[in-house]
Amino acid sequence: MAPATTSKNDRSAAYEAMLSTLSEGSVHVHFDPYEDIAWDAPELAIDQADPRWVLSPTVDPLGATAWYRQLPLERQVEIGKARLMNTMKVGAAFESMLIRGLMQYAVALPHRSPEFRYCLHEMTEECNHIQMFMELVNRVDVETPGMRKRLRRASPYIGGLLAFRPVLLMVAILAGEEPIDHYQKAILREGGDVPPAVLRTMEIHVAEEARHISFADEFLKLRVPRLRRGQRLALSVLFPVVMRLGVDEIMIPPRSLARRLGIPPEVLAEAFWDGPASQRILRSYFAEMRALATEVGLMNRISRRAWRLCGIDGEPALYRGEPDRSAEVLA
């Protein structure tokens, strides 16, 4: 028993050291949406006709459709601008759900828990992200609904309820963070060919989300192996289901927005996620989550089938931040 106990203590000590590192990082490397973004600078002025609003054909599933690529430039700009701003607005709503869940979890932690400090740092940063996203949405001034109606109604309760199941809360947090983080990093890797104000918000968000995702990853690496066998089996199946639910809510525009923009239903279906290009993009969002599930023992014969049925199966990432090497422009 001694070696197992020592190993468990070592993992807990390493986890607490990681929390200390992340907390210090939040103190010494952080961003303020009104100090670190020069919103009124001429170079960040919003140009409604900027061709950089056009969606990438390799990064964005709607941008990958032949229908979108064949539209006149002004229509591509109109649709791209609304899509990006709706994604930002949904991102802000997901951040608010995360804050509710983390706050409910943090206030119940025991005295002097190192998790309490980092949870508060993360919530502070997420509040800044909400301000940053909504400042951008307001300045672009394109009417977008944000979340789909059913989730908007349920959102005040979801985070608080998940706080009573912390492992599932962290899975849900990753389901909300990973798609946006992957999407934004892919745009930055392509050269950041988006309007400057959008680029600056993405740079800040990606920099700080790295800490948040690291926390959720390490939380699961510590706690999942401690679950009972039946709990691990149930979680192994729930993991890909929650990932798919999260990406659908974040990336698929509401039908009301699609109708207003004149996106045909068959094009919306191709983009999310019936077309081969969009299926490749969808799978690429979760390579790191497949690696995490494998590492913590959540990949088994049953769960692999769940990943496949959810359309997000594939090879695990070799390392955090590995780019999607299958990206290609489909003519």
C-alpha atoms as a PDB file:
ATOM      1  CA  MET A   1       0.000   0.000   0.000  1.00  0.00           C
ATOM      2  CA  ALA A   2       2.837   2.417   0.674  1.00  0.00           C
ATOM      3  CA  PRO A   3       3.901   2.902  -2.975  1.00  0.00           C
ATOM      4  CA  ALA A   4       0.291   3.597  -4.060  1.00  0.00           C
ATOM      5  CA  THR A   5      -0.175   6.066  -1.235  1.00  0.00           C
ATOM      6  CA  THR A   6       3.104   7.765  -2.093  1.00  0.00           C
ATOM      7  CA  SER A   7       2.105   7.971  -5.737  1.00  0.00           C
ATOM      8  CA  LYS A   8      -1.252   9.499  -4.805  1.00  0.00           C
ATOM      9  CA  ASN A   9       0.452  12.042  -2.552  1.00  0.00           C
ATOM     10  CA  ASP A  10       2.940  12.877  -5.297  1.00  0.00           C
ATOM     11  CA  ARG A  11       0.110  13.517  -7.772  1.00  0.00           C
ATOM     12  CA  SER A  12      -1.678  15.758  -5.293  1.00  0.00           C
ATOM     13  CA  ALA A  13       1.525  17.706  -4.586  1.00  0.00           C
ATOM     14  CA  ALA A  14       2.199  18.125  -8.301  1.00  0.00           C
ATOM     15  CA  TYR A  15      -1.394  19.312  -8.804  1.00  0.00           C
ATOM     16  CA  GLU A  16      -1.076  21.908  -6.041  1.00  0.00           C
ATOM     17  CA  ALA A  17       2.232  23.105  -7.507  1.00  0.00           C
ATOM     18  CA  MET A  18       0.516  23.489 -10.879  1.00  0.00           C
ATOM     19  CA  LEU A  19      -2.265  25.534  -9.270  1.00  0.00           C
ATOM     20  CA  SER A  20       0.337  27.815  -7.693  1.00  0.00           C
ATOM     21  CA  THR A  21       2.029  28.293 -11.075  1.00  0.00           C
ATOM     22  CA  LEU A  22      -1.259  29.108 -12.791  1.00  0.00           C
ATOM     23  CA  SER A  23      -2.244  31.549 -10.036  1.00  0.00           C
ATOM     24  CA  GLU A  24       1.098  33.356 -10.267  1.00  0.00           C
ATOM     25  CA  GLY A  25       0.685  33.466 -14.036  1.00  0.00           C
ATOM     26  CA  SER A  26      -2.700  35.134 -13.608  1.00  0.00           C
ATOM     27  CA  VAL A  27      -1.097  37.740 -11.343  1.00  0.00           C
ATOM     28  CA  HIS A  28       1.895  38.537 -13.537  1.00  0.00           C
ATOM     29  CA  VAL A  29       0.556  37.937 -17.078  1.00  0.00           C
ATOM     30  CA  HIS A  30      -3.011  39.121 -17.427  1.00  0.00           C
ATOM     31  CA  PHE A  31      -5.010  41.456 -19.641  1.00  0.00           C
ATOM     32  CA  ASP A  32      -7.600  44.134 -19.077  1.00  0.00           C
ATOM     33  CA  PRO A  33     -10.057  44.666 -21.949  1.00  0.00           C
ATOM     34  CA  TYR A  34      -9.931  48.443 -21.540  1.00  0.00           C
ATOM     35  CA  GLU A  35      -6.235  48.872 -20.811  1.00  0.00           C
ATOM     36  CA  ASP A  36      -4.795  46.373 -23.264  1.00  0.00           C
ATOM     37  CA  ILE A  37      -7.054  47.052 -26.244  1.00  0.00           C
ATOM     38  CA  ALA A  38      -6.913  50.548 -27.727  1.00  0.00           C
ATOM     39  CA  TRP A  39     -10.538  50.478 -28.833  1.00  0.00           C
ATOM     40  CA  ASP A  40     -10.544  54.062 -30.096  1.00  0.00           C
ATOM     41  CA  ALA A  41      -7.202  53.874 -31.924  1.00  0.00           C
ATOM     42  CA  PRO A  42      -7.519  54.463 -35.685  1.00  0.00           C
ATOM     43  CA  GLU A  43      -5.887  51.132 -36.482  1.00  0.00           C
ATOM     44  CA  LEU A  44      -8.635  49.288 -34.561  1.00  0.00           C
ATOM     45  CA  ALA A  45     -11.512  51.194 -36.141  1.00  0.00           C
ATOM     46  CA  ILE A  46     -14.299  48.934 -37.403  1.00  0.00           C
ATOM     47  CA  ASP A  47     -14.592  48.919 -41.188  1.00  0.00           C
ATOM     48  CA  GLN A  48     -17.932  47.328 -42.017  1.00  0.00           C
ATOM     49  CA  ALA A  49     -16.801  46.540 -45.583  1.00  0.00           C
ATOM     50  CA  ASP A  50     -13.372  45.149 -44.631  1.00  0.00           C
ATOM     51  CA  PRO A  51     -12.718  42.082 -46.861  1.00  0.00           C
ATOM     52  CA  ARG A  52     -11.051  40.441 -43.848  1.00  0.00           C
ATOM     53  CA  TRP A  53     -14.553  39.636 -42.555  1.00  0.00           C
ATOM     54  CA  VAL A  54     -14.660  36.881 -45.196  1.00  0.00           C
ATOM     55  CA  LEU A  55     -14.664  33.441 -43.553  1.00  0.00           C
ATOM     56  CA  SER A  56     -11.676  31.151 -44.010  1.00  0.00           C
ATOM     57  CA  PRO A  57     -12.389  28.116 -46.237  1.00  0.00           C
ATOM     58  CA  THR A  58     -10.108  25.895 -44.137  1.00  0.00           C
ATOM     59  CA  VAL A  59     -10.978  27.054 -40.618  1.00  0.00           C
ATOM     60  CA  ASP A  60     -14.665  27.921 -40.761  1.00  0.00           C
ATOM     61  CA  PRO A  61     -17.195  25.213 -41.719  1.00  0.00           C
ATOM     62  CA  LEU A  62     -19.532  27.729 -43.372  1.00  0.00           C
ATOM     63  CA  GLY A  63     -16.593  29.336 -45.156  1.00  0.00           C
ATOM     64  CA  ALA A  64     -15.699  25.880 -46.523  1.00  0.00           C
ATOM     65  CA  THR A  65     -18.966  25.536 -48.479  1.00  0.00           C
ATOM     66  CA  ALA A  66     -18.967  26.158 -52.224  1.00  0.00           C
ATOM     67  CA  TRP A  67     -22.163  28.208 -51.785  1.00  0.00           C
ATOM     68  CA  TYR A  68     -20.407  30.712 -49.529  1.00  0.00           C
ATOM     69  CA  ARG A  69     -17.241  30.927 -51.623  1.00  0.00           C
ATOM     70  CA  GLN A  70     -19.276  31.696 -54.764  1.00  0.00           C
ATOM     71  CA  LEU A  71     -21.147  34.642 -53.195  1.00  0.00           C
ATOM     72  CA  PRO A  72     -20.270  38.227 -54.143  1.00  0.00           C
ATOM     73  CA  LEU A  73     -17.666  39.778 -51.838  1.00  0.00           C
ATOM     74  CA  GLU A  74     -20.161  42.077 -50.101  1.00  0.00           C
ATOM     75  CA  ARG A  75     -22.380  39.098 -49.192  1.00  0.00           C
ATOM     76  CA  GLN A  76     -19.402  37.104 -47.920  1.00  0.00           C
ATOM     77  CA  VAL A  77     -18.457  40.086 -45.754  1.00  0.00           C
ATOM     78  CA  GLU A  78     -22.026  40.481 -44.427  1.00  0.00           C
ATOM     79  CA  ILE A  79     -22.360  36.821 -43.499  1.00  0.00           C
ATOM     80  CA  GLY A  80     -18.806  36.503 -42.152  1.00  0.00           C
ATOM     81  CA  LYS A  81     -19.226  39.529 -39.915  1.00  0.00           C
ATOM     82  CA  ALA A  82     -22.507  38.260 -38.459  1.00  0.00           C
ATOM     83  CA  ARG A  83     -21.118  34.757 -37.965  1.00  0.00           C
ATOM     84  CA  LEU A  84     -17.999  35.956 -36.137  1.00  0.00           C
ATOM     85  CA  MET A  85     -19.974  38.303 -33.902  1.00  0.00           C
ATOM     86  CA  ASN A  86     -22.570  35.650 -33.083  1.00  0.00           C
ATOM     87  CA  THR A  87     -19.773  33.271 -32.093  1.00  0.00           C
ATOM     88  CA  MET A  88     -18.289  35.981 -29.846  1.00  0.00           C
ATOM     89  CA  LYS A  89     -21.696  36.581 -28.262  1.00  0.00           C
ATOM     90  CA  VAL A  90     -22.217  32.858 -27.648  1.00  0.00           C
ATOM     91  CA  GLY A  91     -18.688  32.682 -26.230  1.00  0.00           C
ATOM     92  CA  ALA A  92     -19.556  35.417 -23.736  1.00  0.00           C
ATOM     93  CA  ALA A  93     -22.688  33.514 -22.687  1.00  0.00           C
ATOM     94  CA  PHE A  94     -20.695  30.311 -22.177  1.00  0.00           C
ATOM     95  CA  GLU A  95     -18.183  32.232 -20.066  1.00  0.00           C
ATOM     96  CA  SER A  96     -21.055  33.368 -17.820  1.00  0.00           C
ATOM     97  CA  MET A  97     -22.186  29.752 -17.380  1.00  0.00           C
ATOM     98  CA  LEU A  98     -18.619  28.754 -16.502  1.00  0.00           C
ATOM     99  CA  ILE A  99     -18.437  31.529 -13.889  1.00  0.00           C
ATOM    100  CA  ARG A 100     -21.686  30.381 -12.258  1.00  0.00           C
ATOM    101  CA  GLY A 101     -20.432  26.813 -12.004  1.00  0.00           C
ATOM    102  CA  LEU A 102     -16.956  27.716 -10.769  1.00  0.00           C
ATOM    103  CA  MET A 103     -18.303  30.140  -8.178  1.00  0.00           C
ATOM    104  CA  GLN A 104     -20.713  27.556  -6.789  1.00  0.00           C
ATOM    105  CA  TYR A 105     -17.870  25.022  -6.685  1.00  0.00           C
ATOM    106  CA  ALA A 106     -15.288  27.407  -5.197  1.00  0.00           C
ATOM    107  CA  VAL A 107     -17.388  28.696  -2.301  1.00  0.00           C
ATOM    108  CA  ALA A 108     -17.900  25.119  -1.078  1.00  0.00           C
ATOM    109  CA  LEU A 109     -14.161  24.317  -1.015  1.00  0.00           C
ATOM    110  CA  PRO A 110     -12.478  23.727   2.343  1.00  0.00           C
ATOM    111  CA  HIS A 111     -10.504  26.487   4.024  1.00  0.00           C
ATOM    112  CA  ARG A 112      -7.074  27.141   2.416  1.00  0.00           C
ATOM    113  CA  SER A 113      -7.797  25.025  -0.634  1.00  0.00           C
ATOM    114  CA  PRO A 114      -5.349  26.108  -3.380  1.00  0.00           C
ATOM    115  CA  GLU A 115      -8.118  25.544  -5.909  1.00  0.00           C
ATOM    116  CA  PHE A 116     -10.105  28.426  -4.405  1.00  0.00           C
ATOM    117  CA  ARG A 117      -7.497  31.027  -5.341  1.00  0.00           C
ATOM    118  CA  TYR A 118      -7.087  29.806  -8.896  1.00  0.00           C
ATOM    119  CA  CYS A 119     -10.850  29.503  -9.467  1.00  0.00           C
ATOM    120  CA  LEU A 120     -11.200  33.155  -8.467  1.00  0.00           C
ATOM    121  CA  HIS A 121      -8.379  34.161 -10.818  1.00  0.00           C
ATOM    122  CA  GLU A 122     -10.047  32.282 -13.648  1.00  0.00           C
ATOM    123  CA  MET A 123     -13.435  33.844 -12.979  1.00  0.00           C
ATOM    124  CA  THR A 124     -11.850  37.304 -12.968  1.00  0.00           C
ATOM    125  CA  GLU A 125     -10.319  36.602 -16.366  1.00  0.00           C
ATOM    126  CA  GLU A 126     -13.583  35.213 -17.704  1.00  0.00           C
ATOM    127  CA  CYS A 127     -15.390  38.383 -16.622  1.00  0.00           C
ATOM    128  CA  ASN A 128     -12.814  40.340 -18.604  1.00  0.00           C
ATOM    129  CA  HIS A 129     -13.404  38.088 -21.598  1.00  0.00           C
ATOM    130  CA  ILE A 130     -17.144  38.765 -21.458  1.00  0.00           C
ATOM    131  CA  GLN A 131     -16.482  42.510 -21.414  1.00  0.00           C
ATOM    132  CA  MET A 132     -13.985  42.160 -24.256  1.00  0.00           C
ATOM    133  CA  PHE A 133     -16.285  40.071 -26.458  1.00  0.00           C
ATOM    134  CA  MET A 134     -19.316  42.274 -25.855  1.00  0.00           C
ATOM    135  CA  GLU A 135     -17.373  45.503 -26.419  1.00  0.00           C
ATOM    136  CA  LEU A 136     -16.358  44.135 -29.808  1.00  0.00           C
ATOM    137  CA  VAL A 137     -19.902  42.968 -30.625  1.00  0.00           C
ATOM    138  CA  ASN A 138     -21.306  46.379 -29.666  1.00  0.00           C
ATOM    139  CA  ARG A 139     -18.740  48.241 -31.784  1.00  0.00           C
ATOM    140  CA  VAL A 140     -19.338  46.082 -34.837  1.00  0.00           C
ATOM    141  CA  ASP A 141     -23.048  46.724 -34.258  1.00  0.00           C
ATOM    142  CA  VAL A 142     -24.476  43.735 -36.128  1.00  0.00           C
ATOM    143  CA  GLU A 143     -27.701  42.340 -34.715  1.00  0.00           C
ATOM    144  CA  THR A 144     -27.104  38.739 -33.645  1.00  0.00           C
ATOM    145  CA  PRO A 145     -29.137  36.500 -31.307  1.00  0.00           C
ATOM    146  CA  GLY A 146     -26.191  34.732 -29.667  1.00  0.00           C
ATOM    147  CA  MET A 147     -27.183  31.485 -27.963  1.00  0.00           C
ATOM    148  CA  ARG A 148     -30.015  29.420 -29.298  1.00  0.00           C
ATOM    149  CA  LYS A 149     -33.202  29.988 -27.334  1.00  0.00           C
ATOM    150  CA  ARG A 150     -33.422  26.698 -25.466  1.00  0.00           C
ATOM    151  CA  LEU A 151     -29.920  26.979 -24.022  1.00  0.00           C
ATOM    152  CA  ARG A 152     -30.402  30.653 -23.198  1.00  0.00           C
ATOM    153  CA  ARG A 153     -33.373  29.690 -21.026  1.00  0.00           C
ATOM    154  CA  ALA A 154     -31.501  26.863 -19.305  1.00  0.00           C
ATOM    155  CA  SER A 155     -28.147  28.636 -18.913  1.00  0.00           C
ATOM    156  CA  PRO A 156     -28.826  30.261 -15.503  1.00  0.00           C
ATOM    157  CA  TYR A 157     -29.221  26.805 -13.957  1.00  0.00           C
ATOM    158  CA  ILE A 158     -26.709  24.603 -15.796  1.00  0.00           C
ATOM    159  CA  GLY A 159     -23.505  25.877 -14.179  1.00  0.00           C
ATOM    160  CA  GLY A 160     -24.914  25.784 -10.660  1.00  0.00           C
ATOM    161  CA  LEU A 161     -26.207  22.240 -11.060  1.00  0.00           C
ATOM    162  CA  LEU A 162     -22.929  20.975 -12.511  1.00  0.00           C
ATOM    163  CA  ALA A 163     -21.040  22.431  -9.539  1.00  0.00           C
ATOM    164  CA  PHE A 164     -22.337  19.489  -7.505  1.00  0.00           C
ATOM    165  CA  ARG A 165     -20.568  17.136  -9.943  1.00  0.00           C
ATOM    166  CA  PRO A 166     -17.162  18.823 -10.285  1.00  0.00           C
ATOM    167  CA  VAL A 167     -15.691  16.264 -12.692  1.00  0.00           C
ATOM    168  CA  LEU A 168     -18.629  16.710 -15.049  1.00  0.00           C
ATOM    169  CA  LEU A 169     -18.375  20.490 -14.566  1.00  0.00           C
ATOM    170  CA  MET A 170     -14.780  20.407 -15.838  1.00  0.00           C
ATOM    171  CA  VAL A 171     -15.788  18.264 -18.815  1.00  0.00           C
ATOM    172  CA  ALA A 172     -18.514  20.806 -19.630  1.00  0.00           C
ATOM    173  CA  ILE A 173     -16.034  23.673 -19.246  1.00  0.00           C
ATOM    174  CA  LEU A 174     -13.699  21.988 -21.741  1.00  0.00           C
ATOM    175  CA  ALA A 175     -16.632  21.429 -24.116  1.00  0.00           C
ATOM    176  CA  GLY A 176     -17.249  25.165 -24.032  1.00  0.00           C
ATOM    177  CA  GLU A 177     -13.628  26.270 -24.233  1.00  0.00           C
ATOM    178  CA  GLU A 178     -12.020  23.840 -26.666  1.00  0.00           C
ATOM    179  CA  PRO A 179     -14.012  24.620 -29.861  1.00  0.00           C
ATOM    180  CA  ILE A 180     -13.594  28.400 -29.561  1.00  0.00           C
ATOM    181  CA  ASP A 181      -9.946  28.060 -28.558  1.00  0.00           C
ATOM    182  CA  HIS A 182      -9.206  25.719 -31.473  1.00  0.00           C
ATOM    183  CA  TYR A 183     -11.123  27.944 -33.929  1.00  0.00           C
ATOM    184  CA  GLN A 184      -9.282  31.082 -32.843  1.00  0.00           C
ATOM    185  CA  LYS A 185      -5.856  29.423 -32.793  1.00  0.00           C
ATOM    186  CA  ALA A 186      -6.456  28.099 -36.305  1.00  0.00           C
ATOM    187  CA  ILE A 187      -7.249  31.634 -37.507  1.00  0.00           C
ATOM    188  CA  LEU A 188      -4.097  32.969 -35.835  1.00  0.00           C
ATOM    189  CA  ARG A 189      -2.011  30.196 -37.430  1.00  0.00           C
ATOM    190  CA  GLU A 190      -3.336  31.162 -40.845  1.00  0.00           C
ATOM    191  CA  GLY A 191      -1.912  34.623 -40.304  1.00  0.00           C
ATOM    192  CA  GLY A 192      -4.749  36.280 -38.398  1.00  0.00           C
ATOM    193  CA  ASP A 193      -6.402  37.638 -41.544  1.00  0.00           C
ATOM    194  CA  VAL A 194      -9.321  39.178 -39.648  1.00  0.00           C
ATOM    195  CA  PRO A 195     -10.065  42.819 -38.771  1.00  0.00           C
ATOM    196  CA  PRO A 196      -7.508  44.185 -36.242  1.00  0.00           C
ATOM    197  CA  ALA A 197      -9.966  44.562 -33.346  1.00  0.00           C
ATOM    198  CA  VAL A 198     -11.051  40.938 -33.814  1.00  0.00           C
ATOM    199  CA  LEU A 199      -7.433  39.815 -33.999  1.00  0.00           C
ATOM    200  CA  ARG A 200      -6.540  41.548 -30.727  1.00  0.00           C
ATOM    201  CA  THR A 201      -9.454  39.957 -28.842  1.00  0.00           C
ATOM    202  CA  MET A 202      -8.485  36.527 -30.177  1.00  0.00           C
ATOM    203  CA  GLU A 203      -4.845  36.958 -29.161  1.00  0.00           C
ATOM    204  CA  ILE A 204      -5.819  37.868 -25.596  1.00  0.00           C
ATOM    205  CA  HIS A 205      -8.432  35.144 -25.314  1.00  0.00           C
ATOM    206  CA  VAL A 206      -6.112  32.386 -26.568  1.00  0.00           C
ATOM    207  CA  ALA A 207      -3.316  33.515 -24.211  1.00  0.00           C
ATOM    208  CA  GLU A 208      -5.494  33.332 -21.093  1.00  0.00           C
ATOM    209  CA  GLU A 209      -7.551  30.299 -22.108  1.00  0.00           C
ATOM    210  CA  ALA A 210      -4.334  28.271 -22.118  1.00  0.00           C
ATOM    211  CA  ARG A 211      -4.310  28.534 -18.298  1.00  0.00           C
ATOM    212  CA  HIS A 212      -8.006  27.718 -17.987  1.00  0.00           C
ATOM    213  CA  ILE A 213      -7.762  24.630 -20.181  1.00  0.00           C
ATOM    214  CA  SER A 214      -4.637  23.487 -18.326  1.00  0.00           C
ATOM    215  CA  PHE A 215      -6.529  23.704 -15.033  1.00  0.00           C
ATOM    216  CA  ALA A 216      -9.466  21.649 -16.305  1.00  0.00           C
ATOM    217  CA  ASP A 217      -7.097  19.087 -17.856  1.00  0.00           C
ATOM    218  CA  GLU A 218      -5.107  18.609 -14.669  1.00  0.00           C
ATOM    219  CA  PHE A 219      -8.268  18.531 -12.544  1.00  0.00           C
ATOM    220  CA  LEU A 220      -9.515  15.581 -14.595  1.00  0.00           C
ATOM    221  CA  LYS A 221      -6.125  13.846 -14.615  1.00  0.00           C
ATOM    222  CA  LEU A 222      -6.116  13.932 -10.815  1.00  0.00           C
ATOM    223  CA  ARG A 223      -9.742  13.019 -10.141  1.00  0.00           C
ATOM    224  CA  VAL A 224     -10.933  10.701 -12.893  1.00  0.00           C
ATOM    225  CA  PRO A 225      -8.640   7.804 -11.816  1.00  0.00           C
ATOM    226  CA  ARG A 226     -10.154   8.099  -8.311  1.00  0.00           C
ATOM    227  CA  LEU A 227     -13.714   7.464  -9.561  1.00  0.00           C
ATOM    228  CA  ARG A 228     -15.343   4.101  -9.081  1.00  0.00           C
ATOM    229  CA  ARG A 229     -15.298   1.780 -12.062  1.00  0.00           C
ATOM    230  CA  GLY A 230     -18.970   2.332 -12.893  1.00  0.00           C
ATOM    231  CA  GLN A 231     -18.550   6.105 -12.665  1.00  0.00           C
ATOM    232  CA  ARG A 232     -15.572   6.010 -15.021  1.00  0.00           C
ATOM    233  CA  LEU A 233     -17.523   3.938 -17.524  1.00  0.00           C
ATOM    234  CA  ALA A 234     -20.466   6.348 -17.442  1.00  0.00           C
ATOM    235  CA  LEU A 235     -18.130   9.341 -17.763  1.00  0.00           C
ATOM    236  CA  SER A 236     -16.286   7.723 -20.672  1.00  0.00           C
ATOM    237  CA  VAL A 237     -19.550   7.729 -22.662  1.00  0.00           C
ATOM    238  CA  LEU A 238     -20.720  11.131 -21.436  1.00  0.00           C
ATOM    239  CA  PHE A 239     -17.402  12.773 -22.340  1.00  0.00           C
ATOM    240  CA  PRO A 240     -17.846  12.775 -26.159  1.00  0.00           C
ATOM    241  CA  VAL A 241     -21.581  13.483 -25.843  1.00  0.00           C
ATOM    242  CA  VAL A 242     -20.912  16.650 -23.802  1.00  0.00           C
ATOM    243  CA  MET A 243     -18.191  17.682 -26.282  1.00  0.00           C
ATOM    244  CA  ARG A 244     -20.593  17.346 -29.199  1.00  0.00           C
ATOM    245  CA  LEU A 245     -23.381  19.224 -27.407  1.00  0.00           C
ATOM    246  CA  GLY A 246     -20.947  22.028 -26.603  1.00  0.00           C
ATOM    247  CA  VAL A 247     -19.592  22.447 -30.121  1.00  0.00           C
ATOM    248  CA  ASP A 248     -23.082  22.407 -31.633  1.00  0.00           C
ATOM    249  CA  GLU A 249     -24.292  25.175 -29.331  1.00  0.00           C
ATOM    250  CA  ILE A 250     -21.183  27.285 -29.900  1.00  0.00           C
ATOM    251  CA  MET A 251     -20.552  26.878 -33.611  1.00  0.00           C
ATOM    252  CA  ILE A 252     -23.957  26.369 -35.257  1.00  0.00           C
ATOM    253  CA  PRO A 253     -25.706  29.706 -35.835  1.00  0.00           C
ATOM    254  CA  PRO A 254     -29.345  29.901 -34.725  1.00  0.00           C
ATOM    255  CA  ARG A 255     -31.835  29.248 -37.512  1.00  0.00           C
ATOM    256  CA  SER A 256     -33.248  32.756 -37.059  1.00  0.00           C
ATOM    257  CA  LEU A 257     -29.832  34.202 -37.943  1.00  0.00           C
ATOM    258  CA  ALA A 258     -29.406  31.799 -40.875  1.00  0.00           C
ATOM    259  CA  ARG A 259     -32.791  32.850 -42.263  1.00  0.00           C
ATOM    260  CA  ARG A 260     -31.985  36.545 -41.890  1.00  0.00           C
ATOM    261  CA  LEU A 261     -28.677  36.048 -43.703  1.00  0.00           C
ATOM    262  CA  GLY A 262     -30.316  34.020 -46.460  1.00  0.00           C
ATOM    263  CA  ILE A 263     -28.360  30.819 -45.815  1.00  0.00           C
ATOM    264  CA  PRO A 264     -30.304  27.946 -47.426  1.00  0.00           C
ATOM    265  CA  PRO A 265     -31.169  25.044 -45.082  1.00  0.00           C
ATOM    266  CA  GLU A 266     -29.193  22.581 -47.202  1.00  0.00           C
ATOM    267  CA  VAL A 267     -26.097  24.800 -46.963  1.00  0.00           C
ATOM    268  CA  LEU A 268     -26.511  25.079 -43.193  1.00  0.00           C
ATOM    269  CA  ALA A 269     -26.738  21.278 -43.001  1.00  0.00           C
ATOM    270  CA  GLU A 270     -23.632  20.850 -45.178  1.00  0.00           C
ATOM    271  CA  ALA A 271     -21.679  23.296 -43.028  1.00  0.00           C
ATOM    272  CA  PHE A 272     -22.848  21.815 -39.694  1.00  0.00           C
ATOM    273  CA  TRP A 273     -21.840  18.896 -40.075  1.00  0.00           C
ATOM    274  CA  ASP A 274     -22.907  16.912 -43.130  1.00  0.00           C
ATOM    275  CA  GLY A 275     -20.226  17.999 -45.618  1.00  0.00           C
ATOM    276  CA  PRO A 276     -16.804  16.316 -45.791  1.00  0.00           C
ATOM    277  CA  ALA A 277     -14.935  19.588 -45.136  1.00  0.00           C
ATOM    278  CA  SER A 278     -17.080  20.415 -42.100  1.00  0.00           C
ATOM    279  CA  GLN A 279     -16.704  16.876 -40.737  1.00  0.00           C
ATOM    280  CA  ARG A 280     -12.924  17.248 -40.947  1.00  0.00           C
ATOM    281  CA  ILE A 281     -13.122  20.594 -39.145  1.00  0.00           C
ATOM    282  CA  LEU A 282     -15.439  19.136 -36.471  1.00  0.00           C
ATOM    283  CA  ARG A 283     -13.065  16.254 -35.726  1.00  0.00           C
ATOM    284  CA  SER A 284     -10.110  18.613 -35.560  1.00  0.00           C
ATOM    285  CA  TYR A 285     -11.630  20.516 -32.627  1.00  0.00           C
ATOM    286  CA  PHE A 286     -11.216  17.548 -30.288  1.00  0.00           C
ATOM    287  CA  ALA A 287      -7.828  15.949 -30.984  1.00  0.00           C
ATOM    288  CA  GLU A 288      -6.555  17.210 -27.616  1.00  0.00           C
ATOM    289  CA  MET A 289      -9.681  16.002 -25.842  1.00  0.00           C
ATOM    290  CA  ARG A 290      -9.227  12.559 -27.379  1.00  0.00           C
ATOM    291  CA  ALA A 291      -5.672  12.572 -26.028  1.00  0.00           C
ATOM    292  CA  LEU A 292      -6.924  13.619 -22.578  1.00  0.00           C
ATOM    293  CA  ALA A 293      -9.625  10.935 -22.545  1.00  0.00           C
ATOM    294  CA  THR A 294      -7.013   8.339 -23.483  1.00  0.00           C
ATOM    295  CA  GLU A 295      -4.606   9.514 -20.763  1.00  0.00           C
ATOM    296  CA  VAL A 296      -7.166   9.417 -17.951  1.00  0.00           C
ATOM    297  CA  GLY A 297      -8.555   6.015 -18.939  1.00  0.00           C
ATOM    298  CA  LEU A 298     -11.816   7.112 -20.587  1.00  0.00           C
ATOM    299  CA  MET A 299     -11.161   5.436 -23.934  1.00  0.00           C
ATOM    300  CA  ASN A 300     -12.636   1.949 -24.150  1.00  0.00           C
ATOM    301  CA  ARG A 301     -14.598  -0.139 -26.619  1.00  0.00           C
ATOM    302  CA  ILE A 302     -17.924   1.449 -25.660  1.00  0.00           C
ATOM    303  CA  SER A 303     -16.692   5.053 -25.461  1.00  0.00           C
ATOM    304  CA  ARG A 304     -14.869   4.807 -28.804  1.00  0.00           C
ATOM    305  CA  ARG A 305     -18.192   3.975 -30.380  1.00  0.00           C
ATOM    306  CA  ALA A 306     -19.720   7.035 -28.671  1.00  0.00           C
ATOM    307  CA  TRP A 307     -16.944   9.246 -30.090  1.00  0.00           C
ATOM    308  CA  ARG A 308     -17.639   7.795 -33.539  1.00  0.00           C
ATOM    309  CA  LEU A 309     -21.422   8.229 -33.258  1.00  0.00           C
ATOM    310  CA  CYS A 310     -20.883  11.840 -32.182  1.00  0.00           C
ATOM    311  CA  GLY A 311     -18.757  12.399 -35.294  1.00  0.00           C
ATOM    312  CA  ILE A 312     -15.715  13.539 -33.328  1.00  0.00           C
ATOM    313  CA  ASP A 313     -13.536  10.433 -33.384  1.00  0.00           C
ATOM    314  CA  GLY A 314     -10.024  10.353 -34.805  1.00  0.00           C
ATOM    315  CA  GLU A 315      -6.406  10.302 -33.765  1.00  0.00           C
ATOM    316  CA  PRO A 316      -5.446  11.955 -30.463  1.00  0.00           C
ATOM    317  CA  ALA A 317      -3.178  14.984 -30.517  1.00  0.00           C
ATOM    318  CA  LEU A 318       0.485  14.303 -29.957  1.00  0.00           C
ATOM    319  CA  TYR A 319       0.834  17.471 -27.876  1.00  0.00           C
ATOM    320  CA  ARG A 320      -1.198  20.473 -26.726  1.00  0.00           C
ATOM    321  CA  GLY A 321      -1.622  22.987 -29.508  1.00  0.00           C
ATOM    322  CA  GLU A 322      -0.826  20.545 -32.322  1.00  0.00           C
ATOM    323  CA  PRO A 323      -2.194  22.080 -35.553  1.00  0.00           C
ATOM    324  CA  ASP A 324      -4.730  20.334 -37.743  1.00  0.00           C
ATOM    325  CA  ARG A 325      -2.536  18.755 -40.400  1.00  0.00           C
ATOM    326  CA  SER A 326      -5.479  17.547 -42.465  1.00  0.00           C
ATOM    327  CA  ALA A 327      -6.611  21.072 -43.341  1.00  0.00           C
ATOM    328  CA  GLU A 328      -7.094  21.624 -47.035  1.00  0.00           C
ATOM    329  CA  VAL A 329      -9.044  23.900 -49.353  1.00  0.00           C
ATOM    330  CA  LEU A 330     -11.824  21.962 -51.048  1.00  0.00           C
ATOM    331  CA  ALA A 331     -12.526  23.393 -54.454  1.00  0.00           C
END
